[in-house]
Amino acid sequence: MEQEKISFVYPTLMREGMFAGGIYAPDLSMVIDRKEQKTPIAVTAGFLMKSVEMYVIEVEINAIDAPSPTEHSLSGHIQTKYIERIEDGGQLAVYTMLSENADLSNDGFYRVIVRFYKTSNGEKIGNCLDEKDCFFYVSHKDSGE
């Protein structure tokens, strides 16, 4: 089996009082208070990777009908939720990437894309090792109620 794959990806709307130490549940649909606010969101992903390599994880969140950005943000915080060493120098890992300022200002479907690359000194090396995506729906409390 290849040793550098993404198993799953899902988003979670961060709410006041959420426990930071556990694995977050997925949110298929998110109701945001106001359209103009930036939204804290967590993206959780499961990985199969080599335990001796260094990686960079890239997360992209866009409205489905929006053009793909030409630049990707590597900023944000990563929380390690689970690691298990397996045979042949591999490991299973679950990471949550936190963004404080996701732009979810429109009602509709959004796409999350997670990619990962090998890295040296913080710079990506070579092609993307794997990519996974998922979708979720956003509506707003202030959109006509």
N, C-alpha and C. Protein backbone atom coordinates (compact mmCIF):
# COMPACT_ATOMS: atom_id res chain seq x y z
N MET A 1 0.84 -1.19 0.00
CA MET A 1 0.00 0.00 0.00
C MET A 1 0.88 1.25 0.00
N GLU A 2 0.44 2.25 -0.77
CA GLU A 2 1.17 3.52 -0.76
C GLU A 2 1.15 4.12 0.63
N GLN A 3 2.23 4.79 1.02
CA GLN A 3 2.33 5.28 2.39
C GLN A 3 2.07 6.77 2.54
N GLU A 4 1.54 7.42 1.53
CA GLU A 4 1.27 8.85 1.65
C GLU A 4 -0.08 9.15 0.99
N LYS A 5 -1.14 9.04 1.79
CA LYS A 5 -2.50 9.22 1.29
C LYS A 5 -3.34 9.99 2.31
N ILE A 6 -4.37 10.64 1.82
CA ILE A 6 -5.38 11.26 2.69
C ILE A 6 -6.58 10.34 2.69
N SER A 7 -7.05 9.98 3.87
CA SER A 7 -8.18 9.07 4.00
C SER A 7 -9.52 9.80 3.94
N PHE A 8 -9.63 10.91 4.66
CA PHE A 8 -10.90 11.64 4.73
C PHE A 8 -10.66 13.11 5.05
N VAL A 9 -11.67 13.93 4.75
CA VAL A 9 -11.64 15.37 5.03
C VAL A 9 -13.05 15.80 5.39
N TYR A 10 -13.19 16.63 6.44
CA TYR A 10 -14.50 17.21 6.73
C TYR A 10 -14.35 18.52 7.51
N PRO A 11 -15.35 19.42 7.37
CA PRO A 11 -15.32 20.70 8.08
C PRO A 11 -16.16 20.67 9.35
N THR A 12 -15.85 21.58 10.27
CA THR A 12 -16.63 21.79 11.48
C THR A 12 -16.70 23.28 11.75
N LEU A 13 -17.90 23.79 11.95
CA LEU A 13 -18.07 25.18 12.35
C LEU A 13 -17.69 25.30 13.81
N MET A 14 -16.73 26.17 14.13
CA MET A 14 -16.30 26.36 15.51
C MET A 14 -17.31 27.25 16.23
N ARG A 15 -17.78 26.76 17.37
CA ARG A 15 -18.77 27.48 18.16
C ARG A 15 -18.19 27.80 19.53
N GLU A 16 -18.72 28.83 20.15
CA GLU A 16 -18.26 29.21 21.48
C GLU A 16 -18.43 28.04 22.45
N GLY A 17 -17.37 27.79 23.24
CA GLY A 17 -17.42 26.74 24.25
C GLY A 17 -17.05 25.36 23.75
N MET A 18 -16.65 25.21 22.47
CA MET A 18 -16.28 23.88 21.98
C MET A 18 -14.99 23.44 22.64
N PHE A 19 -14.91 22.17 22.97
CA PHE A 19 -13.74 21.57 23.60
C PHE A 19 -12.63 21.43 22.57
N ALA A 20 -11.45 21.94 22.88
CA ALA A 20 -10.35 21.96 21.92
C ALA A 20 -9.56 20.67 21.88
N GLY A 21 -9.77 19.75 22.80
CA GLY A 21 -8.92 18.57 22.85
C GLY A 21 -9.42 17.36 22.10
N GLY A 22 -10.67 17.33 21.70
CA GLY A 22 -11.22 16.14 21.07
C GLY A 22 -11.23 16.23 19.57
N ILE A 23 -11.74 15.17 18.95
CA ILE A 23 -11.94 15.17 17.50
C ILE A 23 -13.33 15.74 17.25
N TYR A 24 -13.41 16.75 16.41
CA TYR A 24 -14.66 17.44 16.14
C TYR A 24 -15.57 16.60 15.24
N ALA A 25 -16.87 16.75 15.42
CA ALA A 25 -17.85 16.10 14.55
C ALA A 25 -17.98 16.90 13.26
N PRO A 26 -18.28 16.22 12.15
CA PRO A 26 -18.44 16.94 10.88
C PRO A 26 -19.74 17.75 10.85
N ASP A 27 -19.70 18.86 10.13
CA ASP A 27 -20.89 19.68 9.89
C ASP A 27 -21.19 19.68 8.39
N LEU A 28 -22.25 19.02 8.01
CA LEU A 28 -22.66 18.99 6.61
C LEU A 28 -23.35 20.30 6.22
N SER A 29 -24.02 20.91 7.20
CA SER A 29 -24.71 22.17 6.99
C SER A 29 -24.34 23.11 8.13
N MET A 30 -24.05 24.36 7.80
CA MET A 30 -23.65 25.36 8.80
C MET A 30 -24.57 26.57 8.71
N VAL A 31 -25.07 27.00 9.86
CA VAL A 31 -25.86 28.23 9.92
C VAL A 31 -25.00 29.29 10.60
N ILE A 32 -24.69 30.35 9.85
CA ILE A 32 -23.82 31.42 10.32
C ILE A 32 -24.69 32.59 10.77
N ASP A 33 -24.28 33.29 11.83
CA ASP A 33 -25.08 34.40 12.36
C ASP A 33 -25.27 35.54 11.36
N ARG A 34 -24.16 36.04 10.81
CA ARG A 34 -24.23 37.21 9.92
C ARG A 34 -23.35 36.98 8.70
N LYS A 35 -23.81 37.46 7.56
CA LYS A 35 -23.06 37.28 6.31
C LYS A 35 -21.71 37.98 6.32
N GLU A 36 -21.64 39.17 6.95
CA GLU A 36 -20.41 39.95 6.84
C GLU A 36 -19.30 39.50 7.78
N GLN A 37 -19.58 38.59 8.69
CA GLN A 37 -18.54 38.19 9.64
C GLN A 37 -17.62 37.11 9.05
N LYS A 38 -16.37 37.13 9.47
CA LYS A 38 -15.45 36.04 9.15
C LYS A 38 -15.74 34.91 10.13
N THR A 39 -15.61 33.69 9.68
CA THR A 39 -16.10 32.55 10.44
C THR A 39 -14.96 31.62 10.83
N PRO A 40 -14.87 31.24 12.11
CA PRO A 40 -13.87 30.23 12.51
C PRO A 40 -14.35 28.84 12.10
N ILE A 41 -13.49 28.12 11.40
CA ILE A 41 -13.83 26.79 10.92
C ILE A 41 -12.64 25.86 11.13
N ALA A 42 -12.94 24.61 11.42
CA ALA A 42 -11.91 23.57 11.56
C ALA A 42 -12.07 22.59 10.41
N VAL A 43 -10.96 22.18 9.84
CA VAL A 43 -10.96 21.14 8.81
C VAL A 43 -10.15 19.98 9.36
N THR A 44 -10.80 18.84 9.50
CA THR A 44 -10.16 17.65 10.04
C THR A 44 -9.88 16.68 8.90
N ALA A 45 -8.70 16.07 8.92
CA ALA A 45 -8.32 15.14 7.87
C ALA A 45 -7.51 13.99 8.45
N GLY A 46 -7.68 12.82 7.87
CA GLY A 46 -6.92 11.64 8.26
C GLY A 46 -5.87 11.33 7.21
N PHE A 47 -4.67 10.98 7.67
CA PHE A 47 -3.54 10.76 6.77
C PHE A 47 -2.87 9.43 7.04
N LEU A 48 -2.33 8.84 5.99
CA LEU A 48 -1.37 7.75 6.06
C LEU A 48 -0.08 8.34 5.53
N MET A 49 0.97 8.35 6.36
CA MET A 49 2.22 9.00 5.95
C MET A 49 3.42 8.26 6.52
N LYS A 50 4.58 8.60 6.01
CA LYS A 50 5.82 8.02 6.52
C LYS A 50 6.23 8.78 7.77
N SER A 51 6.64 8.05 8.79
CA SER A 51 6.96 8.70 10.06
C SER A 51 8.28 9.47 10.02
N VAL A 52 9.10 9.24 9.01
CA VAL A 52 10.41 9.90 8.94
C VAL A 52 10.42 11.11 8.00
N GLU A 53 9.30 11.42 7.38
CA GLU A 53 9.23 12.55 6.44
C GLU A 53 8.61 13.77 7.10
N MET A 54 8.84 14.93 6.48
CA MET A 54 8.21 16.18 6.89
C MET A 54 7.23 16.56 5.78
N TYR A 55 6.07 17.11 6.18
CA TYR A 55 5.03 17.43 5.22
C TYR A 55 4.49 18.83 5.46
N VAL A 56 3.92 19.41 4.41
CA VAL A 56 3.14 20.63 4.53
C VAL A 56 1.72 20.29 4.07
N ILE A 57 0.74 20.80 4.80
CA ILE A 57 -0.67 20.55 4.49
C ILE A 57 -1.28 21.87 4.01
N GLU A 58 -1.97 21.80 2.88
CA GLU A 58 -2.58 22.98 2.27
C GLU A 58 -4.10 22.80 2.32
N VAL A 59 -4.80 23.81 2.81
CA VAL A 59 -6.25 23.77 2.91
C VAL A 59 -6.84 24.93 2.13
N GLU A 60 -7.87 24.62 1.33
CA GLU A 60 -8.55 25.62 0.52
C GLU A 60 -10.04 25.51 0.79
N ILE A 61 -10.71 26.62 1.07
CA ILE A 61 -12.15 26.64 1.30
C ILE A 61 -12.74 27.70 0.38
N ASN A 62 -13.62 27.27 -0.54
CA ASN A 62 -14.19 28.19 -1.52
C ASN A 62 -15.65 27.87 -1.76
N ALA A 63 -16.43 28.90 -2.13
CA ALA A 63 -17.77 28.66 -2.64
C ALA A 63 -17.64 27.83 -3.91
N ILE A 64 -18.59 26.93 -4.13
CA ILE A 64 -18.53 26.02 -5.29
C ILE A 64 -18.39 26.78 -6.60
N ASP A 65 -19.12 27.89 -6.74
CA ASP A 65 -19.10 28.63 -8.00
C ASP A 65 -17.99 29.66 -8.09
N ALA A 66 -17.13 29.75 -7.08
CA ALA A 66 -16.02 30.70 -7.09
C ALA A 66 -14.84 30.11 -7.85
N PRO A 67 -14.07 30.94 -8.55
CA PRO A 67 -12.87 30.42 -9.21
C PRO A 67 -11.85 29.97 -8.16
N SER A 68 -11.05 28.98 -8.52
CA SER A 68 -10.00 28.53 -7.61
C SER A 68 -8.97 29.62 -7.44
N PRO A 69 -8.49 29.83 -6.22
CA PRO A 69 -7.48 30.87 -6.00
C PRO A 69 -6.15 30.47 -6.62
N THR A 70 -5.36 31.47 -6.97
CA THR A 70 -4.03 31.18 -7.51
C THR A 70 -3.02 31.00 -6.39
N GLU A 71 -3.35 31.46 -5.19
CA GLU A 71 -2.47 31.29 -4.04
C GLU A 71 -3.22 30.52 -2.96
N HIS A 72 -2.48 29.77 -2.17
CA HIS A 72 -3.06 28.99 -1.09
C HIS A 72 -2.42 29.43 0.22
N SER A 73 -3.22 29.53 1.24
CA SER A 73 -2.71 29.95 2.53
C SER A 73 -2.15 28.77 3.31
N LEU A 74 -0.98 28.94 3.85
CA LEU A 74 -0.40 27.93 4.73
C LEU A 74 -0.50 28.39 6.18
N SER A 75 -1.20 29.51 6.40
CA SER A 75 -1.34 30.02 7.76
C SER A 75 -2.47 29.30 8.47
N GLY A 76 -2.52 29.46 9.78
CA GLY A 76 -3.52 28.79 10.59
C GLY A 76 -2.83 27.92 11.62
N HIS A 77 -3.62 27.22 12.38
CA HIS A 77 -3.08 26.37 13.43
C HIS A 77 -3.42 24.91 13.14
N ILE A 78 -2.51 24.01 13.47
CA ILE A 78 -2.76 22.58 13.30
C ILE A 78 -2.74 21.92 14.66
N GLN A 79 -3.76 21.13 14.92
CA GLN A 79 -3.83 20.34 16.15
C GLN A 79 -3.69 18.87 15.78
N THR A 80 -2.82 18.16 16.49
CA THR A 80 -2.69 16.72 16.30
C THR A 80 -3.74 16.05 17.17
N LYS A 81 -4.62 15.28 16.56
CA LYS A 81 -5.71 14.63 17.28
C LYS A 81 -5.44 13.15 17.54
N TYR A 82 -4.63 12.53 16.67
CA TYR A 82 -4.40 11.09 16.80
C TYR A 82 -3.17 10.72 15.98
N ILE A 83 -2.31 9.87 16.53
CA ILE A 83 -1.18 9.30 15.78
C ILE A 83 -1.01 7.86 16.22
N GLU A 84 -0.84 7.00 15.24
CA GLU A 84 -0.56 5.58 15.51
C GLU A 84 0.54 5.11 14.55
N ARG A 85 1.61 4.61 15.11
CA ARG A 85 2.69 4.05 14.28
C ARG A 85 2.25 2.69 13.77
N ILE A 86 2.55 2.43 12.51
CA ILE A 86 2.21 1.14 11.92
C ILE A 86 3.47 0.54 11.31
N GLU A 87 3.35 -0.66 10.80
CA GLU A 87 4.54 -1.35 10.27
C GLU A 87 5.11 -0.62 9.06
N ASP A 88 6.31 -0.96 8.71
CA ASP A 88 7.03 -0.41 7.56
C ASP A 88 7.30 1.10 7.67
N GLY A 89 7.41 1.64 8.89
CA GLY A 89 7.78 3.04 9.06
C GLY A 89 6.67 4.03 8.77
N GLY A 90 5.45 3.57 8.73
CA GLY A 90 4.33 4.47 8.45
C GLY A 90 3.63 4.91 9.72
N GLN A 91 2.73 5.85 9.56
CA GLN A 91 1.89 6.27 10.68
C GLN A 91 0.54 6.72 10.16
N LEU A 92 -0.46 6.52 10.98
CA LEU A 92 -1.80 7.05 10.74
C LEU A 92 -1.94 8.29 11.61
N ALA A 93 -2.48 9.34 11.06
CA ALA A 93 -2.59 10.59 11.82
C ALA A 93 -3.90 11.29 11.48
N VAL A 94 -4.48 11.93 12.49
CA VAL A 94 -5.63 12.80 12.30
C VAL A 94 -5.21 14.19 12.78
N TYR A 95 -5.31 15.16 11.88
CA TYR A 95 -4.97 16.54 12.19
C TYR A 95 -6.19 17.42 11.96
N THR A 96 -6.31 18.46 12.77
CA THR A 96 -7.33 19.48 12.55
C THR A 96 -6.63 20.80 12.28
N MET A 97 -6.96 21.40 11.14
CA MET A 97 -6.42 22.69 10.75
C MET A 97 -7.47 23.74 11.09
N LEU A 98 -7.08 24.76 11.85
CA LEU A 98 -8.01 25.79 12.30
C LEU A 98 -7.79 27.09 11.55
N SER A 99 -8.87 27.64 11.03
CA SER A 99 -8.84 28.95 10.39
C SER A 99 -9.81 29.85 11.14
N GLU A 100 -9.33 31.00 11.57
CA GLU A 100 -10.18 31.94 12.30
C GLU A 100 -11.01 32.82 11.37
N ASN A 101 -10.66 32.88 10.09
CA ASN A 101 -11.25 33.88 9.21
C ASN A 101 -11.73 33.33 7.88
N ALA A 102 -12.46 32.23 7.89
CA ALA A 102 -12.99 31.69 6.64
C ALA A 102 -14.06 32.62 6.09
N ASP A 103 -14.05 32.84 4.80
CA ASP A 103 -15.06 33.69 4.16
C ASP A 103 -16.22 32.81 3.71
N LEU A 104 -17.26 32.75 4.53
CA LEU A 104 -18.47 31.99 4.22
C LEU A 104 -19.63 32.98 4.11
N SER A 105 -19.41 34.05 3.36
CA SER A 105 -20.35 35.18 3.34
C SER A 105 -21.56 34.97 2.44
N ASN A 106 -21.57 33.93 1.64
CA ASN A 106 -22.71 33.67 0.75
C ASN A 106 -23.42 32.39 1.15
N ASP A 107 -24.73 32.37 0.98
CA ASP A 107 -25.48 31.13 1.14
C ASP A 107 -25.11 30.20 -0.02
N GLY A 108 -25.06 28.92 0.26
CA GLY A 108 -24.81 27.96 -0.81
C GLY A 108 -23.78 26.92 -0.43
N PHE A 109 -23.35 26.17 -1.44
CA PHE A 109 -22.40 25.08 -1.22
C PHE A 109 -20.96 25.58 -1.28
N TYR A 110 -20.14 25.01 -0.41
CA TYR A 110 -18.71 25.30 -0.35
C TYR A 110 -17.94 24.00 -0.49
N ARG A 111 -16.72 24.12 -0.96
CA ARG A 111 -15.84 22.97 -1.15
C ARG A 111 -14.59 23.18 -0.31
N VAL A 112 -14.19 22.13 0.40
CA VAL A 112 -12.93 22.10 1.13
C VAL A 112 -11.99 21.17 0.37
N ILE A 113 -10.79 21.63 0.10
CA ILE A 113 -9.77 20.80 -0.55
C ILE A 113 -8.56 20.75 0.38
N VAL A 114 -8.07 19.56 0.65
CA VAL A 114 -6.85 19.37 1.43
C VAL A 114 -5.83 18.67 0.55
N ARG A 115 -4.63 19.23 0.49
CA ARG A 115 -3.52 18.63 -0.26
C ARG A 115 -2.34 18.50 0.69
N PHE A 116 -1.51 17.50 0.41
CA PHE A 116 -0.27 17.50 1.19
C PHE A 116 0.92 17.15 0.34
N TYR A 117 2.06 17.72 0.76
CA TYR A 117 3.31 17.68 0.01
C TYR A 117 4.44 17.34 0.97
N LYS A 118 5.52 16.80 0.43
CA LYS A 118 6.75 16.71 1.22
C LYS A 118 7.31 18.12 1.32
N THR A 119 8.08 18.36 2.40
CA THR A 119 8.63 19.69 2.60
C THR A 119 10.07 19.61 3.09
N SER A 120 10.81 20.66 2.81
CA SER A 120 12.14 20.85 3.35
C SER A 120 12.25 22.32 3.70
N ASN A 121 12.53 22.61 4.96
CA ASN A 121 12.63 24.00 5.43
C ASN A 121 11.37 24.81 5.13
N GLY A 122 10.21 24.18 5.21
CA GLY A 122 8.95 24.87 4.99
C GLY A 122 8.55 25.06 3.54
N GLU A 123 9.38 24.63 2.61
CA GLU A 123 9.08 24.77 1.19
C GLU A 123 8.58 23.44 0.63
N LYS A 124 7.54 23.50 -0.21
CA LYS A 124 7.01 22.29 -0.84
C LYS A 124 8.05 21.69 -1.77
N ILE A 125 8.12 20.36 -1.77
CA ILE A 125 9.02 19.63 -2.65
C ILE A 125 8.18 18.75 -3.57
N GLY A 126 8.33 18.91 -4.85
CA GLY A 126 7.67 18.03 -5.80
C GLY A 126 6.17 18.25 -5.91
N ASN A 127 5.53 17.26 -6.51
CA ASN A 127 4.10 17.32 -6.76
C ASN A 127 3.30 16.97 -5.51
N CYS A 128 2.03 17.29 -5.56
CA CYS A 128 1.10 16.95 -4.48
C CYS A 128 1.07 15.43 -4.31
N LEU A 129 1.21 14.96 -3.07
CA LEU A 129 1.19 13.53 -2.79
C LEU A 129 -0.22 12.97 -2.86
N ASP A 130 -1.19 13.74 -2.39
CA ASP A 130 -2.59 13.32 -2.45
C ASP A 130 -3.46 14.54 -2.21
N GLU A 131 -4.71 14.43 -2.63
CA GLU A 131 -5.69 15.50 -2.49
C GLU A 131 -7.06 14.88 -2.25
N LYS A 132 -7.80 15.44 -1.29
CA LYS A 132 -9.17 15.01 -1.04
C LYS A 132 -10.02 16.25 -0.86
N ASP A 133 -11.31 16.12 -1.17
CA ASP A 133 -12.20 17.24 -0.98
C ASP A 133 -13.52 16.78 -0.37
N CYS A 134 -14.28 17.75 0.08
CA CYS A 134 -15.62 17.50 0.60
C CYS A 134 -16.44 18.76 0.39
N PHE A 135 -17.74 18.63 0.62
CA PHE A 135 -18.66 19.74 0.40
C PHE A 135 -19.50 19.97 1.64
N PHE A 136 -19.93 21.22 1.83
CA PHE A 136 -20.87 21.53 2.90
C PHE A 136 -21.73 22.71 2.46
N TYR A 137 -22.84 22.90 3.17
CA TYR A 137 -23.80 23.95 2.83
C TYR A 137 -23.81 25.02 3.90
N VAL A 138 -23.89 26.29 3.48
CA VAL A 138 -23.93 27.43 4.40
C VAL A 138 -25.21 28.22 4.18
N SER A 139 -25.86 28.57 5.28
CA SER A 139 -26.97 29.53 5.26
C SER A 139 -26.73 30.52 6.40
N HIS A 140 -27.46 31.62 6.37
CA HIS A 140 -27.25 32.70 7.35
C HIS A 140 -28.55 33.05 8.06
N LYS A 141 -28.44 33.32 9.34
CA LYS A 141 -29.61 33.71 10.13
C LYS A 141 -30.17 35.04 9.66
N ASP A 142 -29.31 35.91 9.13
CA ASP A 142 -29.77 37.24 8.71
C ASP A 142 -30.15 37.30 7.24
N SER A 143 -30.39 36.16 6.59
CA SER A 143 -30.70 36.17 5.16
C SER A 143 -32.21 36.02 4.93
N GLY A 144 -32.96 36.98 5.42
CA GLY A 144 -34.38 37.00 5.12
C GLY A 144 -35.28 36.56 6.25
N GLU A 145 -34.75 36.24 7.42
CA GLU A 145 -35.61 35.84 8.53
C GLU A 145 -36.11 37.05 9.28
